[in-house]
C-alpha atoms as a PDB file:
ATOM      1  CA  MET A   1     -12.957 -19.253  -2.646  1.00  0.00           C
ATOM      2  CA  ASN A   2     -10.713 -17.439  -1.303  1.00  0.00           C
ATOM      3  CA  LYS A   3      -7.309 -18.773  -0.600  1.00  0.00           C
ATOM      4  CA  TYR A   4      -6.001 -15.817   2.087  1.00  0.00           C
ATOM      5  CA  GLU A   5      -8.217 -13.627   3.906  1.00  0.00           C
ATOM      6  CA  LEU A   6      -7.063 -10.184   5.356  1.00  0.00           C
ATOM      7  CA  ILE A   7      -7.125 -10.345   8.876  1.00  0.00           C
ATOM      8  CA  GLY A   8      -7.570  -7.086  10.670  1.00  0.00           C
ATOM      9  CA  THR A   9      -6.936  -3.851   9.665  1.00  0.00           C
ATOM     10  CA  PRO A  10      -4.297  -2.874   7.776  1.00  0.00           C
ATOM     11  CA  ILE A  11      -1.550  -0.736   9.297  1.00  0.00           C
ATOM     12  CA  LEU A  12       0.231   2.396   7.861  1.00  0.00           C
ATOM     13  CA  SER A  13       3.073   3.853   8.305  1.00  0.00           C
ATOM     14  CA  ASN A  14       4.309   7.555   8.579  1.00  0.00           C
ATOM     15  CA  GLU A  15       4.103   9.447   5.030  1.00  0.00           C
ATOM     16  CA  TRP A  16       6.837  10.437   3.322  1.00  0.00           C
ATOM     17  CA  ASP A  17       7.876  12.697   0.431  1.00  0.00           C
ATOM     18  CA  VAL A  18       8.866  11.516  -2.681  1.00  0.00           C
ATOM     19  CA  TYR A  19      12.048  12.815  -3.914  1.00  0.00           C
ATOM     20  CA  THR A  20      13.478  12.909  -7.687  1.00  0.00           C
ATOM     21  CA  THR A  21      17.002  13.444  -9.337  1.00  0.00           C
ATOM     22  CA  ASP A  22      17.617  16.501 -11.502  1.00  0.00           C
ATOM     23  CA  GLU A  23      19.716  16.669 -14.292  1.00  0.00           C
ATOM     24  CA  ASN A  24      22.697  18.067 -12.505  1.00  0.00           C
ATOM     25  CA  GLY A  25      22.451  14.906  -9.548  1.00  0.00           C
ATOM     26  CA  ASN A  26      20.496  17.334  -7.421  1.00  0.00           C
ATOM     27  CA  SER A  27      17.728  15.569  -4.974  1.00  0.00           C
ATOM     28  CA  VAL A  28      14.261  17.295  -5.650  1.00  0.00           C
ATOM     29  CA  LEU A  29      11.034  17.174  -3.885  1.00  0.00           C
ATOM     30  CA  THR A  30       8.041  16.207  -5.827  1.00  0.00           C
ATOM     31  CA  ASP A  31       4.040  16.961  -4.880  1.00  0.00           C
ATOM     32  CA  SER A  32       3.747  13.428  -4.147  1.00  0.00           C
ATOM     33  CA  TYR A  33       4.703  11.373  -0.979  1.00  0.00           C
ATOM     34  CA  SER A  34       4.527   7.668  -0.406  1.00  0.00           C
ATOM     35  CA  VAL A  35       3.167   5.523   3.166  1.00  0.00           C
ATOM     36  CA  THR A  36       3.899   1.738   3.446  1.00  0.00           C
ATOM     37  CA  ILE A  37       0.158   0.070   4.010  1.00  0.00           C
ATOM     38  CA  THR A  38       1.360  -3.835   5.683  1.00  0.00           C
ATOM     39  CA  MET A  39      -1.425  -6.211   5.853  1.00  0.00           C
ATOM     40  CA  ALA A  40      -1.381  -9.588   7.585  1.00  0.00           C
ATOM     41  CA  PHE A  41      -3.506 -12.613   5.534  1.00  0.00           C
ATOM     42  CA  HIS A  42      -4.578 -16.241   6.808  1.00  0.00           C
ATOM     43  CA  PRO A  43      -4.335 -19.017   4.667  1.00  0.00           C
ATOM     44  CA  THR A  44      -7.482 -20.422   3.975  1.00  0.00           C
ATOM     45  CA  ASP A  45      -5.998 -23.829   3.338  1.00  0.00           C
ATOM     46  CA  GLY A  46      -5.471 -24.627   7.288  1.00  0.00           C
ATOM     47  CA  ILE A  47      -1.381 -25.294   6.514  1.00  0.00           C
ATOM     48  CA  ALA A  48       0.516 -22.441   5.055  1.00  0.00           C
ATOM     49  CA  PRO A  49       1.119 -19.988   8.044  1.00  0.00           C
ATOM     50  CA  ASP A  50       0.049 -16.634   8.258  1.00  0.00           C
ATOM     51  CA  PHE A  51       2.004 -14.006   6.898  1.00  0.00           C
ATOM     52  CA  THR A  52       2.464  -9.756   6.122  1.00  0.00           C
ATOM     53  CA  LYS A  53       2.926  -8.185   3.168  1.00  0.00           C
ATOM     54  CA  SER A  54       3.513  -4.727   2.469  1.00  0.00           C
ATOM     55  CA  ILE A  55       3.060  -2.561  -0.118  1.00  0.00           C
ATOM     56  CA  VAL A  56       4.127   1.365  -1.147  1.00  0.00           C
ATOM     57  CA  SER A  57       1.324   3.716  -2.230  1.00  0.00           C
ATOM     58  CA  THR A  58       1.868   7.220  -3.619  1.00  0.00           C
ATOM     59  CA  SER A  59      -0.252   9.555  -3.583  1.00  0.00           C
ATOM     60  CA  THR A  60      -0.418  13.783  -4.490  1.00  0.00           C
ATOM     61  CA  ASN A  61      -0.881  17.119  -2.773  1.00  0.00           C
ATOM     62  CA  PRO A  62      -3.429  17.858  -4.584  1.00  0.00           C
ATOM     63  CA  GLN A  63      -5.451  14.847  -4.114  1.00  0.00           C
ATOM     64  CA  THR A  64      -8.003  15.138  -0.596  1.00  0.00           C
ATOM     65  CA  GLY A  65      -7.910  13.627   1.982  1.00  0.00           C
ATOM     66  CA  THR A  66     -11.039  10.974   0.455  1.00  0.00           C
ATOM     67  CA  GLU A  67      -9.166  10.679  -2.223  1.00  0.00           C
ATOM     68  CA  VAL A  68      -6.079   9.568  -0.788  1.00  0.00           C
ATOM     69  CA  ASN A  69      -8.027   7.056   1.594  1.00  0.00           C
ATOM     70  CA  ALA A  70     -10.243   5.573  -1.772  1.00  0.00           C
ATOM     71  CA  GLN A  71      -7.100   5.047  -3.448  1.00  0.00           C
ATOM     72  CA  ARG A  72      -5.537   3.253  -0.894  1.00  0.00           C
ATOM     73  CA  GLN A  73      -8.308   1.443  -0.143  1.00  0.00           C
ATOM     74  CA  GLN A  74      -8.463   0.200  -3.487  1.00  0.00           C
ATOM     75  CA  GLU A  75      -4.660  -0.860  -3.481  1.00  0.00           C
ATOM     76  CA  VAL A  76      -5.526  -2.774  -0.900  1.00  0.00           C
ATOM     77  CA  LEU A  77      -8.705  -4.321  -2.862  1.00  0.00           C
ATOM     78  CA  ASP A  78      -6.859  -5.212  -5.787  1.00  0.00           C
ATOM     79  CA  PHE A  79      -3.508  -6.558  -3.805  1.00  0.00           C
ATOM     80  CA  ILE A  80      -6.183  -8.764  -1.875  1.00  0.00           C
ATOM     81  CA  ALA A  81      -8.049  -9.750  -5.741  1.00  0.00           C
ATOM     82  CA  TYR A  82      -4.483 -10.780  -6.978  1.00  0.00           C
ATOM     83  CA  ILE A  83      -3.168 -12.880  -4.197  1.00  0.00           C
ATOM     84  CA  ASN A  84      -6.876 -14.564  -4.736  1.00  0.00           C
ATOM     85  CA  ALA A  85      -6.823 -15.149  -8.520  1.00  0.00           C
END
């Protein structure tokens, strides 16, 4: 039995570019971008209150939209499995 149920659909923030720092301390744009996925949960014990959790998903520009969607969905499913373990 699950301890937590996902309430509704996860909410995605605006995507942002990912930067790194080179050996000279300069900020350099990578081929990656990230989004924050916020999920709302309902504990099934009837005692604890509902809560939200946010995770950051990072994708790369060469990925297709379908691949990015599948990656994000898997990250949500993985988190749900983690908190219900």
